[in-house]
Amino acid sequence: MKIVRFSQNGHAPRLGCYLGQDRIADLEASATAFLAAKGVVRAATIASALFPADSTRGFLEGGSASQDMLSSMMDAARGGKFQPVAFPAASVRLHAPIADPGKFICIGLNYKDHAAETNNPAPKEPPVFPKWANAIQDPGEPILRPRGEKTLDWEVELGVVIGRTARFVKREQALDYVYGYTIINDASARDFQFHTSQWGAGKAGDTLAPVGPYIADRAEIPDPHVLDLKTWVNGTLMQNGSTRNFIFDVGYIIQYLTNFMTLSPGDLIATGTPAGVGFSRKPQITLQPGDTVKLEITGLGALENTVKDA
């Protein structure tokens, strides 16, 4: 399943999923029709609770009730017994597939080659820092270079979306708590980032985290540790890495985090970037207004944004 947020004709975003490659189902509207066909009197009320119109987090908080209903609808659609309310994918605008994470957690220096290019030793435990929802940007919308920033950079990262409440989770069971995966550009304002020893100022700015184009569930991505990650800037390949080279795999990251915090449905984790960022190059390459950044991860599509000044 590939979960999206989409809109049409300037209306508010809605929660949806891909039907094949070229159609997108409106989940709330489809569930209303599905339940009404079964004679459920309060179909619309139940559907809006299971599939809040614009909240991926709300859908995930519905747990097995929401996810079982989604599976039932899609099974019926594949069997020709139900026609979801759907639109051609070409007719809709895609938004960040999750815009309201309860927590947006980032892991730094999670690839040895990236640690080396930044002149840092490989960490013994995952470096953790936050972004917030204000940083999330839609596919196709501009990354805004903060005022005074001269060293704006790119970072392709595998995003992990939590699907179940997780506390004191063992590494071996950790993937059971994951709903799915997406692409994150951990865009980084390096001037602000290195003003102090804390990275937050350079990481949490408005629009500095494009996310998308969809969340692929674990059936789509059964193993997150065999994925290729690539970044192009203005058509030139800049990053070409693989999650095979994680220092800390997804299971270890979840185990580590849940030792000191509760992860909740809809929390988002950015798992670090491979080598090839701009500020470590000689000479440095920095993002300028008008530049285009395109990211790809195996099975997760492509995420593309331009750059402009705030």
C-alpha atoms as a PDB file:
ATOM      1  CA  MET A   1       0.000   0.000   0.000  1.00  0.00           C
ATOM      2  CA  LYS A   2       1.184   3.499  -0.854  1.00  0.00           C
ATOM      3  CA  ILE A   3      -0.387   6.205   1.307  1.00  0.00           C
ATOM      4  CA  VAL A   4      -0.581   9.774   0.010  1.00  0.00           C
ATOM      5  CA  ARG A   5      -2.060  13.141   0.819  1.00  0.00           C
ATOM      6  CA  PHE A   6      -3.521  14.788  -2.260  1.00  0.00           C
ATOM      7  CA  SER A   7      -5.646  17.705  -3.344  1.00  0.00           C
ATOM      8  CA  GLN A   8      -7.557  18.868  -6.389  1.00  0.00           C
ATOM      9  CA  ASN A   9      -8.448  22.304  -7.687  1.00  0.00           C
ATOM     10  CA  GLY A  10      -7.033  24.133  -4.693  1.00  0.00           C
ATOM     11  CA  HIS A  11      -9.097  22.258  -2.104  1.00  0.00           C
ATOM     12  CA  ALA A  12      -7.704  21.075   1.227  1.00  0.00           C
ATOM     13  CA  PRO A  13      -5.529  17.936   1.158  1.00  0.00           C
ATOM     14  CA  ARG A  14      -7.153  14.557   1.703  1.00  0.00           C
ATOM     15  CA  LEU A  15      -5.836  11.134   2.665  1.00  0.00           C
ATOM     16  CA  GLY A  16      -5.544   8.638  -0.145  1.00  0.00           C
ATOM     17  CA  CYS A  17      -3.720   5.608  -1.512  1.00  0.00           C
ATOM     18  CA  TYR A  18      -2.527   4.523  -4.905  1.00  0.00           C
ATOM     19  CA  LEU A  19      -4.621   2.094  -6.950  1.00  0.00           C
ATOM     20  CA  GLY A  20      -2.030   0.629  -9.266  1.00  0.00           C
ATOM     21  CA  GLN A  21       0.247   3.279 -10.756  1.00  0.00           C
ATOM     22  CA  ASP A  22      -2.203   5.769 -12.196  1.00  0.00           C
ATOM     23  CA  ARG A  23      -5.163   6.263  -9.834  1.00  0.00           C
ATOM     24  CA  ILE A  24      -5.519   7.549  -6.286  1.00  0.00           C
ATOM     25  CA  ALA A  25      -8.388   6.575  -3.998  1.00  0.00           C
ATOM     26  CA  ASP A  26      -9.911   9.046  -1.548  1.00  0.00           C
ATOM     27  CA  LEU A  27      -9.915   6.939   1.616  1.00  0.00           C
ATOM     28  CA  GLU A  28     -12.625   8.720   3.597  1.00  0.00           C
ATOM     29  CA  ALA A  29     -14.992   8.932   0.636  1.00  0.00           C
ATOM     30  CA  SER A  30     -14.280   5.333  -0.351  1.00  0.00           C
ATOM     31  CA  ALA A  31     -14.875   4.059   3.187  1.00  0.00           C
ATOM     32  CA  THR A  32     -18.159   5.944   3.361  1.00  0.00           C
ATOM     33  CA  ALA A  33     -19.321   4.261   0.155  1.00  0.00           C
ATOM     34  CA  PHE A  34     -17.992   0.867   1.250  1.00  0.00           C
ATOM     35  CA  LEU A  35     -19.805   0.955   4.595  1.00  0.00           C
ATOM     36  CA  ALA A  36     -23.010   2.404   3.135  1.00  0.00           C
ATOM     37  CA  ALA A  37     -23.148  -0.462   0.635  1.00  0.00           C
ATOM     38  CA  LYS A  38     -23.166  -2.809   3.619  1.00  0.00           C
ATOM     39  CA  GLY A  39     -26.107  -0.984   5.156  1.00  0.00           C
ATOM     40  CA  VAL A  40     -24.162   0.840   7.856  1.00  0.00           C
ATOM     41  CA  VAL A  41     -26.328   3.786   8.928  1.00  0.00           C
ATOM     42  CA  ARG A  42     -23.509   5.972  10.306  1.00  0.00           C
ATOM     43  CA  ALA A  43     -21.167   5.198   7.432  1.00  0.00           C
ATOM     44  CA  ALA A  44     -19.871   8.752   6.990  1.00  0.00           C
ATOM     45  CA  THR A  45     -19.216   9.237  10.709  1.00  0.00           C
ATOM     46  CA  ILE A  46     -17.338   5.954  11.012  1.00  0.00           C
ATOM     47  CA  ALA A  47     -15.363   6.587   7.815  1.00  0.00           C
ATOM     48  CA  SER A  48     -14.225  10.024   9.003  1.00  0.00           C
ATOM     49  CA  ALA A  49     -13.032   8.511  12.287  1.00  0.00           C
ATOM     50  CA  LEU A  50     -11.064   5.753  10.561  1.00  0.00           C
ATOM     51  CA  PHE A  51      -9.688   7.964   7.781  1.00  0.00           C
ATOM     52  CA  PRO A  52      -9.469  11.592   8.945  1.00  0.00           C
ATOM     53  CA  ALA A  53      -9.563  13.643   5.784  1.00  0.00           C
ATOM     54  CA  ASP A  54      -6.126  15.232   6.167  1.00  0.00           C
ATOM     55  CA  SER A  55      -4.303  13.360   8.928  1.00  0.00           C
ATOM     56  CA  THR A  56      -2.020  10.448   8.237  1.00  0.00           C
ATOM     57  CA  ARG A  57      -1.224  10.455  11.936  1.00  0.00           C
ATOM     58  CA  GLY A  58      -4.939  10.141  12.706  1.00  0.00           C
ATOM     59  CA  PHE A  59      -5.200   7.173  10.339  1.00  0.00           C
ATOM     60  CA  LEU A  60      -2.249   5.461  12.019  1.00  0.00           C
ATOM     61  CA  GLU A  61      -3.656   6.185  15.470  1.00  0.00           C
ATOM     62  CA  GLY A  62      -6.702   4.191  14.347  1.00  0.00           C
ATOM     63  CA  GLY A  63      -4.477   1.117  14.487  1.00  0.00           C
ATOM     64  CA  SER A  64      -5.860  -2.186  13.286  1.00  0.00           C
ATOM     65  CA  ALA A  65      -9.385  -0.756  12.901  1.00  0.00           C
ATOM     66  CA  SER A  66      -8.264   1.717  10.218  1.00  0.00           C
ATOM     67  CA  GLN A  67      -5.746  -0.595   8.600  1.00  0.00           C
ATOM     68  CA  ASP A  68      -8.090  -3.602   8.491  1.00  0.00           C
ATOM     69  CA  MET A  69     -10.773  -1.459   6.883  1.00  0.00           C
ATOM     70  CA  LEU A  70      -8.277  -0.257   4.278  1.00  0.00           C
ATOM     71  CA  SER A  71      -7.242  -3.839   3.541  1.00  0.00           C
ATOM     72  CA  SER A  72     -10.887  -4.926   3.228  1.00  0.00           C
ATOM     73  CA  MET A  73     -11.657  -2.129   0.770  1.00  0.00           C
ATOM     74  CA  MET A  74      -8.614  -2.843  -1.362  1.00  0.00           C
ATOM     75  CA  ASP A  75      -9.286  -6.601  -1.363  1.00  0.00           C
ATOM     76  CA  ALA A  76     -12.859  -5.940  -2.493  1.00  0.00           C
ATOM     77  CA  ALA A  77     -11.618  -3.554  -5.179  1.00  0.00           C
ATOM     78  CA  ARG A  78      -9.109  -6.081  -6.507  1.00  0.00           C
ATOM     79  CA  GLY A  79     -11.872  -8.713  -6.580  1.00  0.00           C
ATOM     80  CA  GLY A  80     -14.161  -6.444  -8.566  1.00  0.00           C
ATOM     81  CA  LYS A  81     -16.689  -6.223  -5.721  1.00  0.00           C
ATOM     82  CA  PHE A  82     -16.129  -2.558  -4.868  1.00  0.00           C
ATOM     83  CA  GLN A  83     -15.280   0.575  -6.817  1.00  0.00           C
ATOM     84  CA  PRO A  84     -13.347   3.067  -4.660  1.00  0.00           C
ATOM     85  CA  VAL A  85     -13.848   6.783  -5.109  1.00  0.00           C
ATOM     86  CA  ALA A  86     -10.714   7.498  -7.121  1.00  0.00           C
ATOM     87  CA  PHE A  87      -9.098  10.023  -9.422  1.00  0.00           C
ATOM     88  CA  PRO A  88      -6.412   9.879 -12.099  1.00  0.00           C
ATOM     89  CA  ALA A  89      -3.051  10.444 -10.430  1.00  0.00           C
ATOM     90  CA  ALA A  90      -2.189  12.987 -13.115  1.00  0.00           C
ATOM     91  CA  SER A  91      -5.145  15.146 -12.034  1.00  0.00           C
ATOM     92  CA  VAL A  92      -4.120  15.615  -8.393  1.00  0.00           C
ATOM     93  CA  ARG A  93      -1.427  17.471  -6.504  1.00  0.00           C
ATOM     94  CA  LEU A  94       0.584  15.408  -4.035  1.00  0.00           C
ATOM     95  CA  HIS A  95       1.406  16.814  -0.598  1.00  0.00           C
ATOM     96  CA  ALA A  96       3.835  15.509   2.002  1.00  0.00           C
ATOM     97  CA  PRO A  97       2.365  12.100   2.896  1.00  0.00           C
ATOM     98  CA  ILE A  98       2.571  12.994   6.589  1.00  0.00           C
ATOM     99  CA  ALA A  99       2.401  16.595   7.763  1.00  0.00           C
ATOM    100  CA  ASP A 100       1.519  16.124  11.426  1.00  0.00           C
ATOM    101  CA  PRO A 101       4.026  13.777  13.080  1.00  0.00           C
ATOM    102  CA  GLY A 102       3.931  13.860  16.846  1.00  0.00           C
ATOM    103  CA  LYS A 103       7.729  13.652  16.798  1.00  0.00           C
ATOM    104  CA  PHE A 104      10.171  14.228  13.945  1.00  0.00           C
ATOM    105  CA  ILE A 105      13.433  12.583  15.004  1.00  0.00           C
ATOM    106  CA  CYS A 106      16.664  12.704  13.035  1.00  0.00           C
ATOM    107  CA  ILE A 107      19.727  10.465  13.253  1.00  0.00           C
ATOM    108  CA  GLY A 108      23.096  11.960  12.358  1.00  0.00           C
ATOM    109  CA  LEU A 109      26.275  10.424  10.944  1.00  0.00           C
ATOM    110  CA  ASN A 110      24.683   7.037  10.261  1.00  0.00           C
ATOM    111  CA  TYR A 111      26.938   6.147   7.317  1.00  0.00           C
ATOM    112  CA  LYS A 112      30.692   5.693   7.752  1.00  0.00           C
ATOM    113  CA  ASP A 113      31.431   7.419   4.451  1.00  0.00           C
ATOM    114  CA  HIS A 114      29.418  10.481   5.480  1.00  0.00           C
ATOM    115  CA  ALA A 115      31.064  10.600   8.908  1.00  0.00           C
ATOM    116  CA  ALA A 116      34.454  10.418   7.172  1.00  0.00           C
ATOM    117  CA  GLU A 117      33.676  13.194   4.679  1.00  0.00           C
ATOM    118  CA  THR A 118      32.691  15.479   7.581  1.00  0.00           C
ATOM    119  CA  ASN A 119      35.887  14.590   9.499  1.00  0.00           C
ATOM    120  CA  ASN A 120      33.954  12.899  12.285  1.00  0.00           C
ATOM    121  CA  PRO A 121      34.562   9.450  13.769  1.00  0.00           C
ATOM    122  CA  ALA A 122      31.835   6.869  13.342  1.00  0.00           C
ATOM    123  CA  PRO A 123      29.544   7.322  16.364  1.00  0.00           C
ATOM    124  CA  LYS A 124      29.247   4.636  19.025  1.00  0.00           C
ATOM    125  CA  GLU A 125      25.553   5.381  19.515  1.00  0.00           C
ATOM    126  CA  PRO A 126      23.086   7.204  17.241  1.00  0.00           C
ATOM    127  CA  PRO A 127      23.341  11.010  17.419  1.00  0.00           C
ATOM    128  CA  VAL A 128      19.763  12.267  17.832  1.00  0.00           C
ATOM    129  CA  PHE A 129      18.390  15.708  16.995  1.00  0.00           C
ATOM    130  CA  PRO A 130      14.906  17.053  16.207  1.00  0.00           C
ATOM    131  CA  LYS A 131      13.136  18.665  13.360  1.00  0.00           C
ATOM    132  CA  TRP A 132       9.535  19.838  13.749  1.00  0.00           C
ATOM    133  CA  ALA A 133       6.454  19.806  11.566  1.00  0.00           C
ATOM    134  CA  ASN A 134       7.153  23.379  10.383  1.00  0.00           C
ATOM    135  CA  ALA A 135      10.115  21.974   8.425  1.00  0.00           C
ATOM    136  CA  ILE A 136       7.982  19.594   6.346  1.00  0.00           C
ATOM    137  CA  GLN A 137       7.542  20.630   2.729  1.00  0.00           C
ATOM    138  CA  ASP A 138       5.447  19.131  -0.067  1.00  0.00           C
ATOM    139  CA  PRO A 139       6.883  17.515  -3.191  1.00  0.00           C
ATOM    140  CA  GLY A 140       7.325  20.104  -5.900  1.00  0.00           C
ATOM    141  CA  GLU A 141       7.241  23.065  -3.529  1.00  0.00           C
ATOM    142  CA  PRO A 142      10.326  25.221  -2.901  1.00  0.00           C
ATOM    143  CA  ILE A 143      12.922  24.797  -0.201  1.00  0.00           C
ATOM    144  CA  LEU A 144      13.312  28.280   1.267  1.00  0.00           C
ATOM    145  CA  ARG A 145      16.898  29.309   1.912  1.00  0.00           C
ATOM    146  CA  PRO A 146      16.926  31.133   5.275  1.00  0.00           C
ATOM    147  CA  ARG A 147      17.911  34.781   5.251  1.00  0.00           C
ATOM    148  CA  GLY A 148      21.660  35.126   5.754  1.00  0.00           C
ATOM    149  CA  GLU A 149      22.310  31.481   4.817  1.00  0.00           C
ATOM    150  CA  LYS A 150      25.059  30.890   2.221  1.00  0.00           C
ATOM    151  CA  THR A 151      25.692  27.151   2.619  1.00  0.00           C
ATOM    152  CA  LEU A 152      22.358  25.421   2.042  1.00  0.00           C
ATOM    153  CA  ASP A 153      22.845  21.685   1.522  1.00  0.00           C
ATOM    154  CA  TRP A 154      20.981  18.492   0.617  1.00  0.00           C
ATOM    155  CA  GLU A 155      20.737  15.120   2.407  1.00  0.00           C
ATOM    156  CA  VAL A 156      18.784  12.165   1.037  1.00  0.00           C
ATOM    157  CA  GLU A 157      17.457  10.022   3.889  1.00  0.00           C
ATOM    158  CA  LEU A 158      15.209   7.024   4.405  1.00  0.00           C
ATOM    159  CA  GLY A 159      12.221   8.091   6.480  1.00  0.00           C
ATOM    160  CA  VAL A 160      10.633   5.605   8.896  1.00  0.00           C
ATOM    161  CA  VAL A 161       6.975   6.072   9.865  1.00  0.00           C
ATOM    162  CA  ILE A 162       5.973   4.468  13.156  1.00  0.00           C
ATOM    163  CA  GLY A 163       2.712   2.505  13.113  1.00  0.00           C
ATOM    164  CA  ARG A 164       2.343   1.267  16.719  1.00  0.00           C
ATOM    165  CA  THR A 165       3.126   2.614  20.167  1.00  0.00           C
ATOM    166  CA  ALA A 166       6.655   1.482  21.006  1.00  0.00           C
ATOM    167  CA  ARG A 167       8.467   1.500  24.360  1.00  0.00           C
ATOM    168  CA  PHE A 168      11.436  -0.661  25.412  1.00  0.00           C
ATOM    169  CA  VAL A 169      11.387  -2.487  22.072  1.00  0.00           C
ATOM    170  CA  LYS A 170      13.987  -5.116  21.238  1.00  0.00           C
ATOM    171  CA  ARG A 171      15.911  -4.730  18.002  1.00  0.00           C
ATOM    172  CA  GLU A 172      14.672  -8.086  16.708  1.00  0.00           C
ATOM    173  CA  GLN A 173      11.011  -7.022  17.011  1.00  0.00           C
ATOM    174  CA  ALA A 174      11.457  -3.364  16.087  1.00  0.00           C
ATOM    175  CA  LEU A 175      10.286  -3.536  12.470  1.00  0.00           C
ATOM    176  CA  ASP A 176       6.909  -4.803  13.721  1.00  0.00           C
ATOM    177  CA  TYR A 177       6.334  -1.263  15.009  1.00  0.00           C
ATOM    178  CA  VAL A 178       6.991   0.366  11.627  1.00  0.00           C
ATOM    179  CA  TYR A 179       4.098   1.233   9.331  1.00  0.00           C
ATOM    180  CA  GLY A 180       6.184   2.168   6.337  1.00  0.00           C
ATOM    181  CA  TYR A 181       8.863   4.262   4.683  1.00  0.00           C
ATOM    182  CA  THR A 182       9.238   7.474   2.711  1.00  0.00           C
ATOM    183  CA  ILE A 183      11.900   9.832   1.325  1.00  0.00           C
ATOM    184  CA  ILE A 184      13.121  12.787   3.379  1.00  0.00           C
ATOM    185  CA  ASN A 185      15.435  15.561   2.251  1.00  0.00           C
ATOM    186  CA  ASP A 186      17.125  16.662   5.488  1.00  0.00           C
ATOM    187  CA  ALA A 187      17.980  19.996   3.902  1.00  0.00           C
ATOM    188  CA  SER A 188      20.573  21.698   6.054  1.00  0.00           C
ATOM    189  CA  ALA A 189      21.428  25.361   6.529  1.00  0.00           C
ATOM    190  CA  ARG A 190      25.083  24.751   7.401  1.00  0.00           C
ATOM    191  CA  ASP A 191      25.872  28.318   8.480  1.00  0.00           C
ATOM    192  CA  PHE A 192      23.133  28.187  11.099  1.00  0.00           C
ATOM    193  CA  GLN A 193      23.923  24.538  11.893  1.00  0.00           C
ATOM    194  CA  PHE A 194      27.481  25.313  12.974  1.00  0.00           C
ATOM    195  CA  HIS A 195      26.849  28.540  14.853  1.00  0.00           C
ATOM    196  CA  THR A 196      26.960  26.380  18.010  1.00  0.00           C
ATOM    197  CA  SER A 197      27.655  22.752  18.900  1.00  0.00           C
ATOM    198  CA  GLN A 198      23.900  22.038  18.660  1.00  0.00           C
ATOM    199  CA  TRP A 199      22.671  21.456  15.108  1.00  0.00           C
ATOM    200  CA  GLY A 200      19.039  22.467  15.561  1.00  0.00           C
ATOM    201  CA  ALA A 201      19.180  25.978  14.088  1.00  0.00           C
ATOM    202  CA  GLY A 202      20.394  24.630  10.767  1.00  0.00           C
ATOM    203  CA  LYS A 203      17.989  21.707  10.628  1.00  0.00           C
ATOM    204  CA  ALA A 204      14.596  22.887  11.836  1.00  0.00           C
ATOM    205  CA  GLY A 205      13.939  25.876   9.591  1.00  0.00           C
ATOM    206  CA  ASP A 206      10.716  26.245   7.640  1.00  0.00           C
ATOM    207  CA  THR A 207      10.598  23.945   4.557  1.00  0.00           C
ATOM    208  CA  LEU A 208      13.941  22.260   5.356  1.00  0.00           C
ATOM    209  CA  ALA A 209      12.389  18.781   5.258  1.00  0.00           C
ATOM    210  CA  PRO A 210      10.666  17.901   1.998  1.00  0.00           C
ATOM    211  CA  VAL A 211       8.910  14.539   2.442  1.00  0.00           C
ATOM    212  CA  GLY A 212       7.286  12.243  -0.103  1.00  0.00           C
ATOM    213  CA  PRO A 213       5.933  11.406  -2.505  1.00  0.00           C
ATOM    214  CA  TYR A 214       4.185   8.619  -0.556  1.00  0.00           C
ATOM    215  CA  ILE A 215       4.536   6.247   2.387  1.00  0.00           C
ATOM    216  CA  ALA A 216       5.100   2.677   1.224  1.00  0.00           C
ATOM    217  CA  ASP A 217       3.998   0.145   3.824  1.00  0.00           C
ATOM    218  CA  ARG A 218       6.066  -2.833   4.934  1.00  0.00           C
ATOM    219  CA  ALA A 219       4.467  -5.082   2.338  1.00  0.00           C
ATOM    220  CA  GLU A 220       5.954  -2.782  -0.304  1.00  0.00           C
ATOM    221  CA  ILE A 221       9.340  -2.487   1.474  1.00  0.00           C
ATOM    222  CA  PRO A 222       9.905  -5.743   3.391  1.00  0.00           C
ATOM    223  CA  ASP A 223      13.603  -5.007   4.030  1.00  0.00           C
ATOM    224  CA  PRO A 224      14.669  -1.379   4.534  1.00  0.00           C
ATOM    225  CA  HIS A 225      18.345  -2.357   4.585  1.00  0.00           C
ATOM    226  CA  VAL A 226      18.786  -3.101   0.854  1.00  0.00           C
ATOM    227  CA  LEU A 227      17.712   0.239  -0.632  1.00  0.00           C
ATOM    228  CA  ASP A 228      19.708   2.529  -2.905  1.00  0.00           C
ATOM    229  CA  LEU A 229      19.592   6.286  -2.248  1.00  0.00           C
ATOM    230  CA  LYS A 230      20.468   8.937  -4.844  1.00  0.00           C
ATOM    231  CA  THR A 231      20.511  12.715  -5.106  1.00  0.00           C
ATOM    232  CA  TRP A 232      20.774  14.853  -8.226  1.00  0.00           C
ATOM    233  CA  VAL A 233      21.275  18.618  -8.210  1.00  0.00           C
ATOM    234  CA  ASN A 234      20.385  20.245 -11.525  1.00  0.00           C
ATOM    235  CA  GLY A 235      20.694  16.819 -13.136  1.00  0.00           C
ATOM    236  CA  THR A 236      24.156  16.010 -11.738  1.00  0.00           C
ATOM    237  CA  LEU A 237      24.413  12.943  -9.511  1.00  0.00           C
ATOM    238  CA  MET A 238      25.662  14.013  -6.075  1.00  0.00           C
ATOM    239  CA  GLN A 239      24.819  11.119  -3.729  1.00  0.00           C
ATOM    240  CA  ASN A 240      24.773   7.420  -4.551  1.00  0.00           C
ATOM    241  CA  GLY A 241      24.540   5.318  -1.407  1.00  0.00           C
ATOM    242  CA  SER A 242      22.794   2.313   0.075  1.00  0.00           C
ATOM    243  CA  THR A 243      21.106   1.505   3.361  1.00  0.00           C
ATOM    244  CA  ARG A 244      23.287  -1.619   3.336  1.00  0.00           C
ATOM    245  CA  ASN A 245      25.913   0.738   4.738  1.00  0.00           C
ATOM    246  CA  PHE A 246      23.958   1.944   7.765  1.00  0.00           C
ATOM    247  CA  ILE A 247      26.038   2.105  10.941  1.00  0.00           C
ATOM    248  CA  PHE A 248      22.821   1.682  12.947  1.00  0.00           C
ATOM    249  CA  ASP A 249      20.046  -0.252  11.251  1.00  0.00           C
ATOM    250  CA  VAL A 250      16.370   0.635  11.646  1.00  0.00           C
ATOM    251  CA  GLY A 251      15.851  -1.984  14.345  1.00  0.00           C
ATOM    252  CA  TYR A 252      18.736  -0.680  16.423  1.00  0.00           C
ATOM    253  CA  ILE A 253      17.557   2.926  16.045  1.00  0.00           C
ATOM    254  CA  ILE A 254      14.086   2.037  17.309  1.00  0.00           C
ATOM    255  CA  GLN A 255      15.516  -0.014  20.173  1.00  0.00           C
ATOM    256  CA  TYR A 256      17.809   2.877  21.134  1.00  0.00           C
ATOM    257  CA  LEU A 257      15.101   5.540  20.978  1.00  0.00           C
ATOM    258  CA  THR A 258      12.512   3.515  22.887  1.00  0.00           C
ATOM    259  CA  ASN A 259      14.926   3.049  25.762  1.00  0.00           C
ATOM    260  CA  PHE A 260      14.284   6.697  26.680  1.00  0.00           C
ATOM    261  CA  MET A 261      11.143   7.803  24.824  1.00  0.00           C
ATOM    262  CA  THR A 262       7.827   6.401  23.682  1.00  0.00           C
ATOM    263  CA  LEU A 263       7.365   6.293  19.931  1.00  0.00           C
ATOM    264  CA  SER A 264       3.782   6.784  18.809  1.00  0.00           C
ATOM    265  CA  PRO A 265       1.850   6.135  15.599  1.00  0.00           C
ATOM    266  CA  GLY A 266       2.737   8.797  13.078  1.00  0.00           C
ATOM    267  CA  ASP A 267       6.160   9.614  14.505  1.00  0.00           C
ATOM    268  CA  LEU A 268       8.734  10.162  11.759  1.00  0.00           C
ATOM    269  CA  ILE A 269      12.409   9.167  11.901  1.00  0.00           C
ATOM    270  CA  ALA A 270      15.045  10.356   9.408  1.00  0.00           C
ATOM    271  CA  THR A 271      17.800   7.748   9.416  1.00  0.00           C
ATOM    272  CA  GLY A 272      20.827   9.694   8.167  1.00  0.00           C
ATOM    273  CA  THR A 273      22.470  10.412   4.833  1.00  0.00           C
ATOM    274  CA  PRO A 274      25.293   8.785   2.851  1.00  0.00           C
ATOM    275  CA  ALA A 275      28.350  10.602   1.517  1.00  0.00           C
ATOM    276  CA  GLY A 276      28.069  13.241  -1.164  1.00  0.00           C
ATOM    277  CA  VAL A 277      26.742  16.318   0.613  1.00  0.00           C
ATOM    278  CA  GLY A 278      27.730  19.686  -0.765  1.00  0.00           C
ATOM    279  CA  PHE A 279      29.582  21.328   2.094  1.00  0.00           C
ATOM    280  CA  SER A 280      32.148  18.496   2.311  1.00  0.00           C
ATOM    281  CA  ARG A 281      33.131  18.775  -1.338  1.00  0.00           C
ATOM    282  CA  LYS A 282      36.262  20.553  -2.491  1.00  0.00           C
ATOM    283  CA  PRO A 283      35.327  23.066  -3.631  1.00  0.00           C
ATOM    284  CA  GLN A 284      32.054  23.246  -1.746  1.00  0.00           C
ATOM    285  CA  ILE A 285      28.803  23.106  -3.691  1.00  0.00           C
ATOM    286  CA  THR A 286      25.866  24.940  -2.163  1.00  0.00           C
ATOM    287  CA  LEU A 287      22.235  25.179  -3.186  1.00  0.00           C
ATOM    288  CA  GLN A 288      21.280  28.429  -4.888  1.00  0.00           C
ATOM    289  CA  PRO A 289      17.916  29.939  -5.794  1.00  0.00           C
ATOM    290  CA  GLY A 290      16.637  28.250  -8.934  1.00  0.00           C
ATOM    291  CA  ASP A 291      18.422  24.949  -8.284  1.00  0.00           C
ATOM    292  CA  THR A 292      16.488  21.679  -8.503  1.00  0.00           C
ATOM    293  CA  VAL A 293      17.115  18.815  -6.070  1.00  0.00           C
ATOM    294  CA  LYS A 294      15.837  15.338  -6.935  1.00  0.00           C
ATOM    295  CA  LEU A 295      16.024  12.388  -4.545  1.00  0.00           C
ATOM    296  CA  GLU A 296      15.263   8.715  -5.215  1.00  0.00           C
ATOM    297  CA  ILE A 297      15.149   5.667  -2.957  1.00  0.00           C
ATOM    298  CA  THR A 298      14.420   2.156  -4.199  1.00  0.00           C
ATOM    299  CA  GLY A 299      10.674   1.494  -4.089  1.00  0.00           C
ATOM    300  CA  LEU A 300       9.816   4.948  -2.771  1.00  0.00           C
ATOM    301  CA  GLY A 301       9.643   6.973  -5.961  1.00  0.00           C
ATOM    302  CA  ALA A 302      11.241  10.371  -6.452  1.00  0.00           C
ATOM    303  CA  LEU A 303      11.062  13.602  -4.466  1.00  0.00           C
ATOM    304  CA  GLU A 304      11.884  16.821  -6.302  1.00  0.00           C
ATOM    305  CA  ASN A 305      12.018  20.422  -5.065  1.00  0.00           C
ATOM    306  CA  THR A 306      13.442  23.699  -6.261  1.00  0.00           C
ATOM    307  CA  VAL A 307      15.236  26.281  -4.117  1.00  0.00           C
ATOM    308  CA  LYS A 308      14.332  29.911  -3.542  1.00  0.00           C
ATOM    309  CA  ASP A 309      15.188  32.595  -1.008  1.00  0.00           C
ATOM    310  CA  ALA A 310      12.868  33.042   1.949  1.00  0.00           C
END
